[in-house]
């Protein structure tokens, strides 16, 4: 399966059914390459409806959870965001895309 087709299917089959309708969130999911933030051994699962292990007991959330959280946060350009727990950096990139001003710390 091609990357763009997999990304499209993730959005249409996982994220929209979770009532994620924010144009900003749906656009960023198209723009930010989630597969760049997934550990190499799990690249083929970048768009799967599952948590992806990151090591040290951490994992990336399933795409629908990330998208729903981003929609609920309702972040606007210029707002300042503090993220505690950077993880893979994917959600950090999404928050930065929405706000333009993020500080992320990892414990």
PDB file of N, CA and C in Angstrom:
ATOM      1  N   UNK A   1       0.853  -1.181   0.000  1.00  0.00           N
ATOM      2  CA  UNK A   1       0.000   0.000   0.000  1.00  0.00           C
ATOM      3  C   UNK A   1       0.893   1.237   0.000  1.00  0.00           C
ATOM      4  N   UNK A   2       0.538   2.202  -0.798  1.00  0.00           N
ATOM      5  CA  UNK A   2       1.290   3.450  -0.872  1.00  0.00           C
ATOM      6  C   UNK A   2       1.062   4.288   0.394  1.00  0.00           C
ATOM      7  N   UNK A   3       2.070   5.081   0.750  1.00  0.00           N
ATOM      8  CA  UNK A   3       2.015   5.906   1.962  1.00  0.00           C
ATOM      9  C   UNK A   3       0.807   6.844   1.946  1.00  0.00           C
ATOM     10  N   UNK A   4       0.607   7.558   0.851  1.00  0.00           N
ATOM     11  CA  UNK A   4      -0.503   8.524   0.805  1.00  0.00           C
ATOM     12  C   UNK A   4      -1.862   7.835   0.882  1.00  0.00           C
ATOM     13  N   UNK A   5      -1.966   6.657   0.299  1.00  0.00           N
ATOM     14  CA  UNK A   5      -3.214   5.892   0.390  1.00  0.00           C
ATOM     15  C   UNK A   5      -3.444   5.435   1.832  1.00  0.00           C
ATOM     16  N   UNK A   6      -2.385   4.989   2.488  1.00  0.00           N
ATOM     17  CA  UNK A   6      -2.483   4.564   3.889  1.00  0.00           C
ATOM     18  C   UNK A   6      -2.874   5.743   4.782  1.00  0.00           C
ATOM     19  N   UNK A   7      -2.274   6.904   4.536  1.00  0.00           N
ATOM     20  CA  UNK A   7      -2.607   8.107   5.313  1.00  0.00           C
ATOM     21  C   UNK A   7      -4.083   8.481   5.103  1.00  0.00           C
ATOM     22  N   UNK A   8      -4.518   8.456   3.841  1.00  0.00           N
ATOM     23  CA  UNK A   8      -5.912   8.763   3.511  1.00  0.00           C
ATOM     24  C   UNK A   8      -6.859   7.781   4.227  1.00  0.00           C
ATOM     25  N   UNK A   9      -6.539   6.494   4.179  1.00  0.00           N
ATOM     26  CA  UNK A   9      -7.382   5.490   4.839  1.00  0.00           C
ATOM     27  C   UNK A   9      -7.414   5.691   6.348  1.00  0.00           C
ATOM     28  N   UNK A  10      -6.278   6.072   6.935  1.00  0.00           N
ATOM     29  CA  UNK A  10      -6.234   6.345   8.372  1.00  0.00           C
ATOM     30  C   UNK A  10      -7.227   7.456   8.715  1.00  0.00           C
ATOM     31  N   UNK A  11      -7.203   8.517   7.925  1.00  0.00           N
ATOM     32  CA  UNK A  11      -8.079   9.654   8.190  1.00  0.00           C
ATOM     33  C   UNK A  11      -9.549   9.285   7.984  1.00  0.00           C
ATOM     34  N   UNK A  12      -9.840   8.638   6.871  1.00  0.00           N
ATOM     35  CA  UNK A  12     -11.232   8.351   6.527  1.00  0.00           C
ATOM     36  C   UNK A  12     -11.837   7.192   7.311  1.00  0.00           C
ATOM     37  N   UNK A  13     -11.037   6.180   7.661  1.00  0.00           N
ATOM     38  CA  UNK A  13     -11.573   4.975   8.301  1.00  0.00           C
ATOM     39  C   UNK A  13     -11.397   4.934   9.819  1.00  0.00           C
ATOM     40  N   UNK A  14     -10.443   5.710  10.347  1.00  0.00           N
ATOM     41  CA  UNK A  14     -10.206   5.711  11.788  1.00  0.00           C
ATOM     42  C   UNK A  14     -10.592   7.034  12.440  1.00  0.00           C
ATOM     43  N   UNK A  15     -10.169   8.122  11.823  1.00  0.00           N
ATOM     44  CA  UNK A  15     -10.253   9.421  12.489  1.00  0.00           C
ATOM     45  C   UNK A  15     -11.614  10.079  12.299  1.00  0.00           C
ATOM     46  N   UNK A  16     -12.091  10.168  11.087  1.00  0.00           N
ATOM     47  CA  UNK A  16     -13.420  10.766  10.873  1.00  0.00           C
ATOM     48  C   UNK A  16     -14.524  10.015  11.620  1.00  0.00           C
ATOM     49  N   UNK A  17     -14.503   8.670  11.650  1.00  0.00           N
ATOM     50  CA  UNK A  17     -15.539   7.964  12.416  1.00  0.00           C
ATOM     51  C   UNK A  17     -15.527   8.279  13.914  1.00  0.00           C
ATOM     52  N   UNK A  18     -14.408   8.815  14.402  1.00  0.00           N
ATOM     53  CA  UNK A  18     -14.328   9.225  15.804  1.00  0.00           C
ATOM     54  C   UNK A  18     -14.818  10.663  15.970  1.00  0.00           C
ATOM     55  N   UNK A  19     -15.505  11.152  14.969  1.00  0.00           N
ATOM     56  CA  UNK A  19     -16.101  12.482  14.989  1.00  0.00           C
ATOM     57  C   UNK A  19     -15.049  13.588  15.058  1.00  0.00           C
ATOM     58  N   UNK A  20     -13.915  13.358  14.440  1.00  0.00           N
ATOM     59  CA  UNK A  20     -12.904  14.409  14.295  1.00  0.00           C
ATOM     60  C   UNK A  20     -13.247  15.120  12.985  1.00  0.00           C
ATOM     61  N   UNK A  21     -13.715  16.359  13.113  1.00  0.00           N
ATOM     62  CA  UNK A  21     -14.189  17.115  11.949  1.00  0.00           C
ATOM     63  C   UNK A  21     -13.456  18.445  11.769  1.00  0.00           C
ATOM     64  N   UNK A  22     -12.546  18.755  12.668  1.00  0.00           N
ATOM     65  CA  UNK A  22     -11.804  20.009  12.589  1.00  0.00           C
ATOM     66  C   UNK A  22     -10.959  20.033  11.318  1.00  0.00           C
ATOM     67  N   UNK A  23     -11.204  21.032  10.479  1.00  0.00           N
ATOM     68  CA  UNK A  23     -10.413  21.168   9.253  1.00  0.00           C
ATOM     69  C   UNK A  23      -8.932  21.325   9.564  1.00  0.00           C
ATOM     70  N   UNK A  24      -8.603  22.069  10.624  1.00  0.00           N
ATOM     71  CA  UNK A  24      -7.201  22.261  10.996  1.00  0.00           C
ATOM     72  C   UNK A  24      -6.541  20.929  11.354  1.00  0.00           C
ATOM     73  N   UNK A  25      -7.221  20.109  12.137  1.00  0.00           N
ATOM     74  CA  UNK A  25      -6.658  18.818  12.540  1.00  0.00           C
ATOM     75  C   UNK A  25      -6.537  17.888  11.340  1.00  0.00           C
ATOM     76  N   UNK A  26      -7.563  17.822  10.525  1.00  0.00           N
ATOM     77  CA  UNK A  26      -7.517  16.941   9.357  1.00  0.00           C
ATOM     78  C   UNK A  26      -6.435  17.376   8.372  1.00  0.00           C
ATOM     79  N   UNK A  27      -6.245  18.672   8.230  1.00  0.00           N
ATOM     80  CA  UNK A  27      -5.192  19.177   7.345  1.00  0.00           C
ATOM     81  C   UNK A  27      -3.816  18.832   7.882  1.00  0.00           C
ATOM     82  N   UNK A  28      -3.595  19.017   9.171  1.00  0.00           N
ATOM     83  CA  UNK A  28      -2.273  18.718   9.717  1.00  0.00           C
ATOM     84  C   UNK A  28      -1.957  17.233   9.616  1.00  0.00           C
ATOM     85  N   UNK A  29      -2.981  16.381   9.717  1.00  0.00           N
ATOM     86  CA  UNK A  29      -2.744  14.949   9.572  1.00  0.00           C
ATOM     87  C   UNK A  29      -2.297  14.598   8.161  1.00  0.00           C
ATOM     88  N   UNK A  30      -2.738  15.375   7.198  1.00  0.00           N
ATOM     89  CA  UNK A  30      -2.283  15.203   5.817  1.00  0.00           C
ATOM     90  C   UNK A  30      -0.867  15.746   5.634  1.00  0.00           C
ATOM     91  N   UNK A  31      -0.525  16.797   6.348  1.00  0.00           N
ATOM     92  CA  UNK A  31       0.721  17.516   6.137  1.00  0.00           C
ATOM     93  C   UNK A  31       1.925  16.973   6.907  1.00  0.00           C
ATOM     94  N   UNK A  32       1.693  16.504   8.122  1.00  0.00           N
ATOM     95  CA  UNK A  32       2.812  16.061   8.964  1.00  0.00           C
ATOM     96  C   UNK A  32       2.993  14.552   8.784  1.00  0.00           C
ATOM     97  N   UNK A  33       4.144  14.132   8.295  1.00  0.00           N
ATOM     98  CA  UNK A  33       4.378  12.716   7.995  1.00  0.00           C
ATOM     99  C   UNK A  33       4.573  11.871   9.256  1.00  0.00           C
ATOM    100  N   UNK A  34       3.486  11.294   9.735  1.00  0.00           N
ATOM    101  CA  UNK A  34       3.512  10.481  10.957  1.00  0.00           C
ATOM    102  C   UNK A  34       4.597   9.399  10.896  1.00  0.00           C
ATOM    103  N   UNK A  35       4.800   8.848   9.713  1.00  0.00           N
ATOM    104  CA  UNK A  35       5.768   7.759   9.552  1.00  0.00           C
ATOM    105  C   UNK A  35       7.197   8.183   9.892  1.00  0.00           C
ATOM    106  N   UNK A  36       7.497   9.478   9.851  1.00  0.00           N
ATOM    107  CA  UNK A  36       8.832   9.962  10.213  1.00  0.00           C
ATOM    108  C   UNK A  36       9.098   9.868  11.715  1.00  0.00           C
ATOM    109  N   UNK A  37       8.050   9.734  12.509  1.00  0.00           N
ATOM    110  CA  UNK A  37       8.164   9.746  13.969  1.00  0.00           C
ATOM    111  C   UNK A  37       8.039   8.353  14.584  1.00  0.00           C
ATOM    112  N   UNK A  38       7.811   7.355  13.749  1.00  0.00           N
ATOM    113  CA  UNK A  38       7.620   5.978  14.208  1.00  0.00           C
ATOM    114  C   UNK A  38       8.974   5.257  14.187  1.00  0.00           C
ATOM    115  N   UNK A  39       9.293   4.506  15.251  1.00  0.00           N
ATOM    116  CA  UNK A  39      10.552   3.741  15.240  1.00  0.00           C
ATOM    117  C   UNK A  39      10.630   2.852  13.993  1.00  0.00           C
ATOM    118  N   UNK A  40      11.826   2.717  13.462  1.00  0.00           N
ATOM    119  CA  UNK A  40      12.019   2.022  12.178  1.00  0.00           C
ATOM    120  C   UNK A  40      11.418   0.624  12.154  1.00  0.00           C
ATOM    121  N   UNK A  41      11.474  -0.094  13.258  1.00  0.00           N
ATOM    122  CA  UNK A  41      10.937  -1.462  13.262  1.00  0.00           C
ATOM    123  C   UNK A  41       9.405  -1.501  13.189  1.00  0.00           C
ATOM    124  N   UNK A  42       8.753  -0.344  13.323  1.00  0.00           N
ATOM    125  CA  UNK A  42       7.285  -0.295  13.268  1.00  0.00           C
ATOM    126  C   UNK A  42       6.763   0.576  12.125  1.00  0.00           C
ATOM    127  N   UNK A  43       7.630   0.977  11.206  1.00  0.00           N
ATOM    128  CA  UNK A  43       7.235   1.886  10.111  1.00  0.00           C
ATOM    129  C   UNK A  43       5.993   1.399   9.369  1.00  0.00           C
ATOM    130  N   UNK A  44       5.911   0.082   9.131  1.00  0.00           N
ATOM    131  CA  UNK A  44       4.768  -0.446   8.383  1.00  0.00           C
ATOM    132  C   UNK A  44       3.451  -0.313   9.150  1.00  0.00           C
ATOM    133  N   UNK A  45       3.530   0.027  10.422  1.00  0.00           N
ATOM    134  CA  UNK A  45       2.337   0.207  11.251  1.00  0.00           C
ATOM    135  C   UNK A  45       2.044   1.680  11.533  1.00  0.00           C
ATOM    136  N   UNK A  46       2.701   2.574  10.826  1.00  0.00           N
ATOM    137  CA  UNK A  46       2.569   4.010  11.085  1.00  0.00           C
ATOM    138  C   UNK A  46       1.128   4.496  11.099  1.00  0.00           C
ATOM    139  N   UNK A  47       0.278   3.904  10.286  1.00  0.00           N
ATOM    140  CA  UNK A  47      -1.104   4.374  10.153  1.00  0.00           C
ATOM    141  C   UNK A  47      -2.113   3.393  10.729  1.00  0.00           C
ATOM    142  N   UNK A  48      -1.628   2.365  11.433  1.00  0.00           N
ATOM    143  CA  UNK A  48      -2.515   1.359  12.018  1.00  0.00           C
ATOM    144  C   UNK A  48      -3.250   1.927  13.225  1.00  0.00           C
ATOM    145  N   UNK A  49      -4.406   1.391  13.489  1.00  0.00           N
ATOM    146  CA  UNK A  49      -5.237   1.803  14.613  1.00  0.00           C
ATOM    147  C   UNK A  49      -4.745   1.100  15.877  1.00  0.00           C
ATOM    148  N   UNK A  50      -3.559   1.510  16.325  1.00  0.00           N
ATOM    149  CA  UNK A  50      -2.960   0.883  17.498  1.00  0.00           C
ATOM    150  C   UNK A  50      -1.904   1.801  18.109  1.00  0.00           C
ATOM    151  N   UNK A  51      -1.567   1.528  19.358  1.00  0.00           N
ATOM    152  CA  UNK A  51      -0.438   2.206  19.978  1.00  0.00           C
ATOM    153  C   UNK A  51       0.838   1.581  19.431  1.00  0.00           C
ATOM    154  N   UNK A  52       1.874   2.394  19.273  1.00  0.00           N
ATOM    155  CA  UNK A  52       3.150   1.903  18.757  1.00  0.00           C
ATOM    156  C   UNK A  52       4.206   2.071  19.843  1.00  0.00           C
ATOM    157  N   UNK A  53       4.874   0.965  20.224  1.00  0.00           N
ATOM    158  CA  UNK A  53       5.883   1.042  21.277  1.00  0.00           C
ATOM    159  C   UNK A  53       7.051   1.954  20.895  1.00  0.00           C
ATOM    160  N   UNK A  54       7.484   2.749  21.871  1.00  0.00           N
ATOM    161  CA  UNK A  54       8.636   3.630  21.685  1.00  0.00           C
ATOM    162  C   UNK A  54       9.825   3.188  22.523  1.00  0.00           C
ATOM    163  N   UNK A  55       9.617   2.242  23.400  1.00  0.00           N
ATOM    164  CA  UNK A  55      10.666   1.815  24.323  1.00  0.00           C
ATOM    165  C   UNK A  55      10.505   2.506  25.665  1.00  0.00           C
ATOM    166  N   UNK A  56      11.168   2.001  26.658  1.00  0.00           N
ATOM    167  CA  UNK A  56      11.139   2.571  28.015  1.00  0.00           C
ATOM    168  C   UNK A  56       9.718   2.664  28.564  1.00  0.00           C
ATOM    169  N   UNK A  57       8.841   1.744  28.140  1.00  0.00           N
ATOM    170  CA  UNK A  57       7.471   1.718  28.633  1.00  0.00           C
ATOM    171  C   UNK A  57       6.568   2.783  28.027  1.00  0.00           C
ATOM    172  N   UNK A  58       7.048   3.510  27.025  1.00  0.00           N
ATOM    173  CA  UNK A  58       6.257   4.548  26.366  1.00  0.00           C
ATOM    174  C   UNK A  58       5.735   4.054  25.033  1.00  0.00           C
ATOM    175  N   UNK A  59       4.666   4.704  24.546  1.00  0.00           N
ATOM    176  CA  UNK A  59       4.151   4.365  23.229  1.00  0.00           C
ATOM    177  C   UNK A  59       3.474   5.583  22.605  1.00  0.00           C
ATOM    178  N   UNK A  60       3.418   5.555  21.278  1.00  0.00           N
ATOM    179  CA  UNK A  60       2.634   6.563  20.548  1.00  0.00           C
ATOM    180  C   UNK A  60       1.172   6.175  20.686  1.00  0.00           C
ATOM    181  N   UNK A  61       0.320   7.152  20.863  1.00  0.00           N
ATOM    182  CA  UNK A  61      -1.107   6.871  20.905  1.00  0.00           C
ATOM    183  C   UNK A  61      -1.589   6.446  19.524  1.00  0.00           C
ATOM    184  N   UNK A  62      -2.713   5.764  19.491  1.00  0.00           N
ATOM    185  CA  UNK A  62      -3.345   5.439  18.211  1.00  0.00           C
ATOM    186  C   UNK A  62      -3.703   6.755  17.513  1.00  0.00           C
ATOM    187  N   UNK A  63      -3.656   6.782  16.184  1.00  0.00           N
ATOM    188  CA  UNK A  63      -3.939   8.024  15.452  1.00  0.00           C
ATOM    189  C   UNK A  63      -5.266   8.675  15.817  1.00  0.00           C
ATOM    190  N   UNK A  64      -6.299   7.877  16.022  1.00  0.00           N
ATOM    191  CA  UNK A  64      -7.610   8.465  16.332  1.00  0.00           C
ATOM    192  C   UNK A  64      -7.601   9.162  17.694  1.00  0.00           C
ATOM    193  N   UNK A  65      -6.816   8.651  18.634  1.00  0.00           N
ATOM    194  CA  UNK A  65      -6.714   9.280  19.960  1.00  0.00           C
ATOM    195  C   UNK A  65      -5.968  10.605  19.838  1.00  0.00           C
ATOM    196  N   UNK A  66      -4.862  10.599  19.087  1.00  0.00           N
ATOM    197  CA  UNK A  66      -4.102  11.836  18.879  1.00  0.00           C
ATOM    198  C   UNK A  66      -4.979  12.896  18.218  1.00  0.00           C
ATOM    199  N   UNK A  67      -5.690  12.509  17.168  1.00  0.00           N
ATOM    200  CA  UNK A  67      -6.529  13.455  16.433  1.00  0.00           C
ATOM    201  C   UNK A  67      -7.653  13.993  17.306  1.00  0.00           C
ATOM    202  N   UNK A  68      -8.277  13.124  18.071  1.00  0.00           N
ATOM    203  CA  UNK A  68      -9.371  13.562  18.944  1.00  0.00           C
ATOM    204  C   UNK A  68      -8.858  14.520  20.017  1.00  0.00           C
ATOM    205  N   UNK A  69      -7.692  14.212  20.587  1.00  0.00           N
ATOM    206  CA  UNK A  69      -7.094  15.100  21.595  1.00  0.00           C
ATOM    207  C   UNK A  69      -6.781  16.462  20.994  1.00  0.00           C
ATOM    208  N   UNK A  70      -6.212  16.476  19.797  1.00  0.00           N
ATOM    209  CA  UNK A  70      -5.893  17.747  19.140  1.00  0.00           C
ATOM    210  C   UNK A  70      -7.150  18.562  18.873  1.00  0.00           C
ATOM    211  N   UNK A  71      -8.207  17.907  18.458  1.00  0.00           N
ATOM    212  CA  UNK A  71      -9.467  18.617  18.212  1.00  0.00           C
ATOM    213  C   UNK A  71     -10.027  19.181  19.516  1.00  0.00           C
ATOM    214  N   UNK A  72      -9.991  18.394  20.582  1.00  0.00           N
ATOM    215  CA  UNK A  72     -10.524  18.851  21.874  1.00  0.00           C
ATOM    216  C   UNK A  72      -9.733  20.022  22.446  1.00  0.00           C
ATOM    217  N   UNK A  73      -8.427  20.055  22.196  1.00  0.00           N
ATOM    218  CA  UNK A  73      -7.605  21.149  22.696  1.00  0.00           C
ATOM    219  C   UNK A  73      -7.947  22.479  22.017  1.00  0.00           C
ATOM    220  N   UNK A  74      -8.410  22.407  20.775  1.00  0.00           N
ATOM    221  CA  UNK A  74      -8.850  23.602  20.039  1.00  0.00           C
ATOM    222  C   UNK A  74      -7.797  24.715  20.085  1.00  0.00           C
ATOM    223  N   UNK A  75      -6.584  24.370  19.689  1.00  0.00           N
ATOM    224  CA  UNK A  75      -5.460  25.307  19.715  1.00  0.00           C
ATOM    225  C   UNK A  75      -5.510  26.212  18.492  1.00  0.00           C
ATOM    226  N   UNK A  76      -5.177  27.478  18.710  1.00  0.00           N
ATOM    227  CA  UNK A  76      -5.194  28.471  17.634  1.00  0.00           C
ATOM    228  C   UNK A  76      -3.806  29.063  17.429  1.00  0.00           C
ATOM    229  N   UNK A  77      -3.518  29.552  16.228  1.00  0.00           N
ATOM    230  CA  UNK A  77      -2.216  30.172  15.960  1.00  0.00           C
ATOM    231  C   UNK A  77      -1.908  31.267  16.986  1.00  0.00           C
ATOM    232  N   UNK A  78      -0.668  31.274  17.439  1.00  0.00           N
ATOM    233  CA  UNK A  78      -0.237  32.291  18.398  1.00  0.00           C
ATOM    234  C   UNK A  78      -0.386  31.877  19.849  1.00  0.00           C
ATOM    235  N   UNK A  79      -1.158  30.831  20.122  1.00  0.00           N
ATOM    236  CA  UNK A  79      -1.287  30.371  21.504  1.00  0.00           C
ATOM    237  C   UNK A  79      -0.006  29.649  21.915  1.00  0.00           C
ATOM    238  N   UNK A  80       0.343  29.769  23.178  1.00  0.00           N
ATOM    239  CA  UNK A  80       1.526  29.097  23.699  1.00  0.00           C
ATOM    240  C   UNK A  80       1.104  27.765  24.296  1.00  0.00           C
ATOM    241  N   UNK A  81       1.877  26.715  23.989  1.00  0.00           N
ATOM    242  CA  UNK A  81       1.558  25.358  24.428  1.00  0.00           C
ATOM    243  C   UNK A  81       2.733  24.789  25.210  1.00  0.00           C
ATOM    244  N   UNK A  82       2.434  24.155  26.331  1.00  0.00           N
ATOM    245  CA  UNK A  82       3.426  23.410  27.095  1.00  0.00           C
ATOM    246  C   UNK A  82       3.020  21.947  27.045  1.00  0.00           C
ATOM    247  N   UNK A  83       3.896  21.126  26.516  1.00  0.00           N
ATOM    248  CA  UNK A  83       3.656  19.684  26.447  1.00  0.00           C
ATOM    249  C   UNK A  83       4.625  19.005  27.401  1.00  0.00           C
ATOM    250  N   UNK A  84       4.096  18.164  28.269  1.00  0.00           N
ATOM    251  CA  UNK A  84       4.925  17.400  29.191  1.00  0.00           C
ATOM    252  C   UNK A  84       4.904  15.955  28.711  1.00  0.00           C
ATOM    253  N   UNK A  85       6.051  15.473  28.274  1.00  0.00           N
ATOM    254  CA  UNK A  85       6.158  14.127  27.720  1.00  0.00           C
ATOM    255  C   UNK A  85       6.188  14.179  26.207  1.00  0.00           C
ATOM    256  N   UNK A  86       7.357  14.381  25.645  1.00  0.00           N
ATOM    257  CA  UNK A  86       7.520  14.565  24.205  1.00  0.00           C
ATOM    258  C   UNK A  86       7.278  13.288  23.422  1.00  0.00           C
ATOM    259  N   UNK A  87       7.599  12.137  23.998  1.00  0.00           N
ATOM    260  CA  UNK A  87       7.392  10.862  23.308  1.00  0.00           C
ATOM    261  C   UNK A  87       8.160  10.801  21.999  1.00  0.00           C
ATOM    262  N   UNK A  88       7.469  10.469  20.922  1.00  0.00           N
ATOM    263  CA  UNK A  88       8.116  10.338  19.605  1.00  0.00           C
ATOM    264  C   UNK A  88       8.377  11.698  18.965  1.00  0.00           C
ATOM    265  N   UNK A  89       7.669  12.708  19.434  1.00  0.00           N
ATOM    266  CA  UNK A  89       7.766  14.033  18.828  1.00  0.00           C
ATOM    267  C   UNK A  89       6.656  14.321  17.828  1.00  0.00           C
ATOM    268  N   UNK A  90       5.861  13.310  17.478  1.00  0.00           N
ATOM    269  CA  UNK A  90       4.795  13.517  16.490  1.00  0.00           C
ATOM    270  C   UNK A  90       3.734  14.481  17.011  1.00  0.00           C
ATOM    271  N   UNK A  91       3.230  14.222  18.200  1.00  0.00           N
ATOM    272  CA  UNK A  91       2.217  15.119  18.754  1.00  0.00           C
ATOM    273  C   UNK A  91       2.792  16.514  18.964  1.00  0.00           C
ATOM    274  N   UNK A  92       4.063  16.589  19.311  1.00  0.00           N
ATOM    275  CA  UNK A  92       4.748  17.865  19.456  1.00  0.00           C
ATOM    276  C   UNK A  92       4.712  18.637  18.136  1.00  0.00           C
ATOM    277  N   UNK A  93       5.020  17.942  17.044  1.00  0.00           N
ATOM    278  CA  UNK A  93       4.977  18.572  15.717  1.00  0.00           C
ATOM    279  C   UNK A  93       3.562  19.039  15.379  1.00  0.00           C
ATOM    280  N   UNK A  94       2.576  18.244  15.732  1.00  0.00           N
ATOM    281  CA  UNK A  94       1.178  18.625  15.477  1.00  0.00           C
ATOM    282  C   UNK A  94       0.792  19.862  16.289  1.00  0.00           C
ATOM    283  N   UNK A  95       1.180  19.876  17.552  1.00  0.00           N
ATOM    284  CA  UNK A  95       0.884  21.028  18.411  1.00  0.00           C
ATOM    285  C   UNK A  95       1.585  22.283  17.891  1.00  0.00           C
ATOM    286  N   UNK A  96       2.811  22.125  17.422  1.00  0.00           N
ATOM    287  CA  UNK A  96       3.552  23.258  16.862  1.00  0.00           C
ATOM    288  C   UNK A  96       2.878  23.765  15.595  1.00  0.00           C
ATOM    289  N   UNK A  97       2.401  22.871  14.768  1.00  0.00           N
ATOM    290  CA  UNK A  97       1.723  23.246  13.515  1.00  0.00           C
ATOM    291  C   UNK A  97       0.475  24.079  13.831  1.00  0.00           C
ATOM    292  N   UNK A  98      -0.237  23.682  14.889  1.00  0.00           N
ATOM    293  CA  UNK A  98      -1.466  24.397  15.253  1.00  0.00           C
ATOM    294  C   UNK A  98      -1.189  25.732  15.939  1.00  0.00           C
ATOM    295  N   UNK A  99      -0.200  25.750  16.838  1.00  0.00           N
ATOM    296  CA  UNK A  99       0.016  26.936  17.670  1.00  0.00           C
ATOM    297  C   UNK A  99       1.127  27.856  17.179  1.00  0.00           C
ATOM    298  N   UNK A 100       2.187  27.251  16.709  1.00  0.00           N
ATOM    299  CA  UNK A 100       3.356  28.032  16.327  1.00  0.00           C
ATOM    300  C   UNK A 100       4.280  28.338  17.476  1.00  0.00           C
ATOM    301  N   UNK A 101       3.893  27.994  18.719  1.00  0.00           N
ATOM    302  CA  UNK A 101       4.715  28.295  19.887  1.00  0.00           C
ATOM    303  C   UNK A 101       4.554  27.190  20.916  1.00  0.00           C
ATOM    304  N   UNK A 102       5.500  26.247  20.913  1.00  0.00           N
ATOM    305  CA  UNK A 102       5.384  25.122  21.844  1.00  0.00           C
ATOM    306  C   UNK A 102       6.693  24.917  22.598  1.00  0.00           C
ATOM    307  N   UNK A 103       6.543  24.534  23.843  1.00  0.00           N
ATOM    308  CA  UNK A 103       7.646  24.061  24.667  1.00  0.00           C
ATOM    309  C   UNK A 103       7.284  22.649  25.054  1.00  0.00           C
ATOM    310  N   UNK A 104       8.178  21.715  24.769  1.00  0.00           N
ATOM    311  CA  UNK A 104       7.928  20.315  25.105  1.00  0.00           C
ATOM    312  C   UNK A 104       9.066  19.827  25.976  1.00  0.00           C
ATOM    313  N   UNK A 105       8.727  19.166  27.065  1.00  0.00           N
ATOM    314  CA  UNK A 105       9.751  18.635  27.968  1.00  0.00           C
ATOM    315  C   UNK A 105       9.525  17.139  28.155  1.00  0.00           C
ATOM    316  N   UNK A 106      10.623  16.441  28.291  1.00  0.00           N
ATOM    317  CA  UNK A 106      10.586  15.006  28.530  1.00  0.00           C
ATOM    318  C   UNK A 106      11.202  14.769  29.894  1.00  0.00           C
ATOM    319  N   UNK A 107      10.560  13.951  30.689  1.00  0.00           N
ATOM    320  CA  UNK A 107      11.050  13.670  32.031  1.00  0.00           C
ATOM    321  C   UNK A 107      12.179  12.686  32.016  1.00  0.00           C
TER     322      UNK A 107
END
